[in-house]
Amino acid sequence: MTNDAGGVPAELPDAAVVLADTDWEGLEHAMGPAGDTPQMLAELLDNDQRVR
């Protein structure tokens, strides 16, 4: 579903679903394969500030 402002999603998908459904091994970041990215991103969403 999109709103009327140029196709921008009306609601963002759940972050946990995006992390789980993305083919991270098929992607790369500045340091090489992005297989480590989901764990790092999940830590940013943690309620514990020490983990973030």
PDB file of N, CA and C in Angstrom:
ATOM      1  N   MET A   1       0.843  -1.177   0.000  1.00  0.00           N
ATOM      2  CA  MET A   1       0.000   0.000   0.000  1.00  0.00           C
ATOM      3  C   MET A   1       0.886   1.237   0.000  1.00  0.00           C
ATOM      4  N   THR A   2       0.538   2.211  -0.822  1.00  0.00           N
ATOM      5  CA  THR A   2       1.298   3.456  -0.882  1.00  0.00           C
ATOM      6  C   THR A   2       0.381   4.632  -0.630  1.00  0.00           C
ATOM      7  N   ASN A   3       0.995   5.750  -0.252  1.00  0.00           N
ATOM      8  CA  ASN A   3       0.196   6.962  -0.120  1.00  0.00           C
ATOM      9  C   ASN A   3       0.257   7.725  -1.436  1.00  0.00           C
ATOM     10  N   ASP A   4      -0.289   8.927  -1.480  1.00  0.00           N
ATOM     11  CA  ASP A   4      -0.339   9.692  -2.727  1.00  0.00           C
ATOM     12  C   ASP A   4       0.913  10.519  -2.986  1.00  0.00           C
ATOM     13  N   ALA A   5       1.910  10.438  -2.147  1.00  0.00           N
ATOM     14  CA  ALA A   5       3.110  11.264  -2.282  1.00  0.00           C
ATOM     15  C   ALA A   5       4.208  10.528  -3.043  1.00  0.00           C
ATOM     16  N   GLY A   6       3.941  10.200  -4.269  1.00  0.00           N
ATOM     17  CA  GLY A   6       4.988   9.627  -5.108  1.00  0.00           C
ATOM     18  C   GLY A   6       5.327   8.180  -4.856  1.00  0.00           C
ATOM     19  N   GLY A   7       4.380   7.378  -4.405  1.00  0.00           N
ATOM     20  CA  GLY A   7       4.644   5.954  -4.235  1.00  0.00           C
ATOM     21  C   GLY A   7       5.381   5.586  -2.969  1.00  0.00           C
ATOM     22  N   VAL A   8       5.455   6.464  -2.005  1.00  0.00           N
ATOM     23  CA  VAL A   8       6.116   6.171  -0.734  1.00  0.00           C
ATOM     24  C   VAL A   8       5.200   5.257   0.081  1.00  0.00           C
ATOM     25  N   PRO A   9       5.748   4.189   0.670  1.00  0.00           N
ATOM     26  CA  PRO A   9       4.895   3.292   1.455  1.00  0.00           C
ATOM     27  C   PRO A   9       4.171   4.045   2.570  1.00  0.00           C
ATOM     28  N   ALA A  10       2.901   3.736   2.769  1.00  0.00           N
ATOM     29  CA  ALA A  10       2.117   4.363   3.827  1.00  0.00           C
ATOM     30  C   ALA A  10       2.582   3.875   5.194  1.00  0.00           C
ATOM     31  N   GLU A  11       3.027   2.632   5.266  1.00  0.00           N
ATOM     32  CA  GLU A  11       3.531   2.044   6.499  1.00  0.00           C
ATOM     33  C   GLU A  11       4.842   1.348   6.215  1.00  0.00           C
ATOM     34  N   LEU A  12       5.783   1.480   7.130  1.00  0.00           N
ATOM     35  CA  LEU A  12       7.049   0.773   6.974  1.00  0.00           C
ATOM     36  C   LEU A  12       6.870  -0.675   7.411  1.00  0.00           C
ATOM     37  N   PRO A  13       7.582  -1.600   6.769  1.00  0.00           N
ATOM     38  CA  PRO A  13       7.495  -3.003   7.195  1.00  0.00           C
ATOM     39  C   PRO A  13       8.177  -3.188   8.549  1.00  0.00           C
ATOM     40  N   ASP A  14       7.818  -4.243   9.246  1.00  0.00           N
ATOM     41  CA  ASP A  14       8.436  -4.558  10.529  1.00  0.00           C
ATOM     42  C   ASP A  14       9.921  -4.847  10.329  1.00  0.00           C
ATOM     43  N   ALA A  15      10.766  -4.201  11.120  1.00  0.00           N
ATOM     44  CA  ALA A  15      12.213  -4.336  10.964  1.00  0.00           C
ATOM     45  C   ALA A  15      12.682  -5.787  11.117  1.00  0.00           C
ATOM     46  N   ALA A  16      12.105  -6.510  12.058  1.00  0.00           N
ATOM     47  CA  ALA A  16      12.509  -7.903  12.270  1.00  0.00           C
ATOM     48  C   ALA A  16      12.203  -8.753  11.041  1.00  0.00           C
ATOM     49  N   VAL A  17      11.099  -8.475  10.379  1.00  0.00           N
ATOM     50  CA  VAL A  17      10.731  -9.217   9.165  1.00  0.00           C
ATOM     51  C   VAL A  17      11.722  -8.900   8.044  1.00  0.00           C
ATOM     52  N   VAL A  18      12.064  -7.645   7.884  1.00  0.00           N
ATOM     53  CA  VAL A  18      13.033  -7.261   6.851  1.00  0.00           C
ATOM     54  C   VAL A  18      14.377  -7.931   7.116  1.00  0.00           C
ATOM     55  N   LEU A  19      14.817  -7.938   8.363  1.00  0.00           N
ATOM     56  CA  LEU A  19      16.093  -8.582   8.694  1.00  0.00           C
ATOM     57  C   LEU A  19      16.058 -10.072   8.364  1.00  0.00           C
ATOM     58  N   ALA A  20      14.948 -10.720   8.673  1.00  0.00           N
ATOM     59  CA  ALA A  20      14.836 -12.165   8.456  1.00  0.00           C
ATOM     60  C   ALA A  20      14.671 -12.519   6.984  1.00  0.00           C
ATOM     61  N   ASP A  21      13.996 -11.679   6.220  1.00  0.00           N
ATOM     62  CA  ASP A  21      13.667 -12.012   4.833  1.00  0.00           C
ATOM     63  C   ASP A  21      14.691 -11.558   3.798  1.00  0.00           C
ATOM     64  N   THR A  22      15.692 -10.813   4.202  1.00  0.00           N
ATOM     65  CA  THR A  22      16.688 -10.304   3.261  1.00  0.00           C
ATOM     66  C   THR A  22      17.791 -11.335   3.043  1.00  0.00           C
ATOM     67  N   ASP A  23      18.215 -11.502   1.800  1.00  0.00           N
ATOM     68  CA  ASP A  23      19.314 -12.415   1.453  1.00  0.00           C
ATOM     69  C   ASP A  23      20.639 -11.696   1.708  1.00  0.00           C
ATOM     70  N   TRP A  24      21.040 -11.670   2.970  1.00  0.00           N
ATOM     71  CA  TRP A  24      22.243 -10.919   3.354  1.00  0.00           C
ATOM     72  C   TRP A  24      23.513 -11.496   2.744  1.00  0.00           C
ATOM     73  N   GLU A  25      23.590 -12.788   2.567  1.00  0.00           N
ATOM     74  CA  GLU A  25      24.775 -13.412   1.972  1.00  0.00           C
ATOM     75  C   GLU A  25      24.946 -12.995   0.512  1.00  0.00           C
ATOM     76  N   GLY A  26      23.855 -12.594  -0.129  1.00  0.00           N
ATOM     77  CA  GLY A  26      23.908 -12.158  -1.520  1.00  0.00           C
ATOM     78  C   GLY A  26      24.272 -10.691  -1.671  1.00  0.00           C
ATOM     79  N   LEU A  27      24.455 -10.002  -0.552  1.00  0.00           N
ATOM     80  CA  LEU A  27      24.781  -8.578  -0.572  1.00  0.00           C
ATOM     81  C   LEU A  27      26.193  -8.347  -0.051  1.00  0.00           C
ATOM     82  N   GLU A  28      26.742  -7.186  -0.360  1.00  0.00           N
ATOM     83  CA  GLU A  28      28.063  -6.809   0.147  1.00  0.00           C
ATOM     84  C   GLU A  28      27.994  -5.411   0.736  1.00  0.00           C
ATOM     85  N   HIS A  29      28.887  -5.167   1.710  1.00  0.00           N
ATOM     86  CA  HIS A  29      29.058  -3.825   2.240  1.00  0.00           C
ATOM     87  C   HIS A  29      30.525  -3.455   2.102  1.00  0.00           C
ATOM     88  N   ALA A  30      30.957  -2.364   2.678  1.00  0.00           N
ATOM     89  CA  ALA A  30      32.322  -1.864   2.487  1.00  0.00           C
ATOM     90  C   ALA A  30      33.402  -2.861   2.905  1.00  0.00           C
ATOM     91  N   MET A  31      33.058  -3.770   3.818  1.00  0.00           N
ATOM     92  CA  MET A  31      34.043  -4.731   4.314  1.00  0.00           C
ATOM     93  C   MET A  31      33.921  -6.099   3.659  1.00  0.00           C
ATOM     94  N   GLY A  32      33.058  -6.239   2.653  1.00  0.00           N
ATOM     95  CA  GLY A  32      32.899  -7.518   1.961  1.00  0.00           C
ATOM     96  C   GLY A  32      31.490  -8.057   2.109  1.00  0.00           C
ATOM     97  N   PRO A  33      31.336  -9.401   2.229  1.00  0.00           N
ATOM     98  CA  PRO A  33      30.012 -10.012   2.328  1.00  0.00           C
ATOM     99  C   PRO A  33      29.227  -9.444   3.514  1.00  0.00           C
ATOM    100  N   ALA A  34      27.933  -9.270   3.318  1.00  0.00           N
ATOM    101  CA  ALA A  34      27.092  -8.628   4.334  1.00  0.00           C
ATOM    102  C   ALA A  34      26.403  -9.627   5.260  1.00  0.00           C
ATOM    103  N   GLY A  35      26.901 -10.845   5.345  1.00  0.00           N
ATOM    104  CA  GLY A  35      26.284 -11.850   6.206  1.00  0.00           C
ATOM    105  C   GLY A  35      26.258 -11.476   7.672  1.00  0.00           C
ATOM    106  N   ASP A  36      27.143 -10.561   8.098  1.00  0.00           N
ATOM    107  CA  ASP A  36      27.184 -10.130   9.497  1.00  0.00           C
ATOM    108  C   ASP A  36      26.239  -8.963   9.786  1.00  0.00           C
ATOM    109  N   THR A  37      25.640  -8.403   8.765  1.00  0.00           N
ATOM    110  CA  THR A  37      24.821  -7.204   8.913  1.00  0.00           C
ATOM    111  C   THR A  37      23.552  -7.410   9.740  1.00  0.00           C
ATOM    112  N   PRO A  38      22.800  -8.508   9.584  1.00  0.00           N
ATOM    113  CA  PRO A  38      21.564  -8.637  10.364  1.00  0.00           C
ATOM    114  C   PRO A  38      21.796  -8.576  11.872  1.00  0.00           C
ATOM    115  N   GLN A  39      22.849  -9.208  12.341  1.00  0.00           N
ATOM    116  CA  GLN A  39      23.127  -9.188  13.780  1.00  0.00           C
ATOM    117  C   GLN A  39      23.447  -7.764  14.237  1.00  0.00           C
ATOM    118  N   MET A  40      24.247  -7.050  13.457  1.00  0.00           N
ATOM    119  CA  MET A  40      24.593  -5.675  13.836  1.00  0.00           C
ATOM    120  C   MET A  40      23.356  -4.775  13.840  1.00  0.00           C
ATOM    121  N   LEU A  41      22.486  -4.935  12.848  1.00  0.00           N
ATOM    122  CA  LEU A  41      21.277  -4.125  12.793  1.00  0.00           C
ATOM    123  C   LEU A  41      20.307  -4.498  13.917  1.00  0.00           C
ATOM    124  N   ALA A  42      20.190  -5.774  14.221  1.00  0.00           N
ATOM    125  CA  ALA A  42      19.315  -6.212  15.307  1.00  0.00           C
ATOM    126  C   ALA A  42      19.782  -5.635  16.641  1.00  0.00           C
ATOM    127  N   GLU A  43      21.086  -5.544  16.829  1.00  0.00           N
ATOM    128  CA  GLU A  43      21.617  -4.963  18.063  1.00  0.00           C
ATOM    129  C   GLU A  43      21.236  -3.486  18.191  1.00  0.00           C
ATOM    130  N   LEU A  44      21.122  -2.776  17.079  1.00  0.00           N
ATOM    131  CA  LEU A  44      20.695  -1.380  17.127  1.00  0.00           C
ATOM    132  C   LEU A  44      19.242  -1.239  17.576  1.00  0.00           C
ATOM    133  N   LEU A  45      18.450  -2.291  17.377  1.00  0.00           N
ATOM    134  CA  LEU A  45      17.044  -2.272  17.777  1.00  0.00           C
ATOM    135  C   LEU A  45      16.824  -2.773  19.199  1.00  0.00           C
ATOM    136  N   ASP A  46      17.887  -3.244  19.851  1.00  0.00           N
ATOM    137  CA  ASP A  46      17.765  -3.818  21.190  1.00  0.00           C
ATOM    138  C   ASP A  46      17.340  -2.755  22.199  1.00  0.00           C
ATOM    139  N   ASN A  47      16.502  -3.134  23.148  1.00  0.00           N
ATOM    140  CA  ASN A  47      16.082  -2.209  24.200  1.00  0.00           C
ATOM    141  C   ASN A  47      17.196  -1.883  25.177  1.00  0.00           C
ATOM    142  N   ASP A  48      18.173  -2.763  25.298  1.00  0.00           N
ATOM    143  CA  ASP A  48      19.291  -2.568  26.225  1.00  0.00           C
ATOM    144  C   ASP A  48      20.318  -1.630  25.589  1.00  0.00           C
ATOM    145  N   GLN A  49      20.499  -0.465  26.180  1.00  0.00           N
ATOM    146  CA  GLN A  49      21.408   0.537  25.621  1.00  0.00           C
ATOM    147  C   GLN A  49      22.846   0.020  25.555  1.00  0.00           C
ATOM    148  N   ARG A  50      23.237  -0.890  26.442  1.00  0.00           N
ATOM    149  CA  ARG A  50      24.598  -1.434  26.424  1.00  0.00           C
ATOM    150  C   ARG A  50      24.833  -2.282  25.177  1.00  0.00           C
ATOM    151  N   VAL A  51      23.776  -2.902  24.670  1.00  0.00           N
ATOM    152  CA  VAL A  51      23.880  -3.712  23.455  1.00  0.00           C
ATOM    153  C   VAL A  51      23.981  -2.803  22.242  1.00  0.00           C
ATOM    154  N   ARG A  52      23.198  -1.711  22.251  1.00  0.00           N
ATOM    155  CA  ARG A  52      23.211  -0.779  21.131  1.00  0.00           C
ATOM    156  C   ARG A  52      24.561  -0.135  21.037  1.00  0.00           C
TER     157      ARG A  52
END
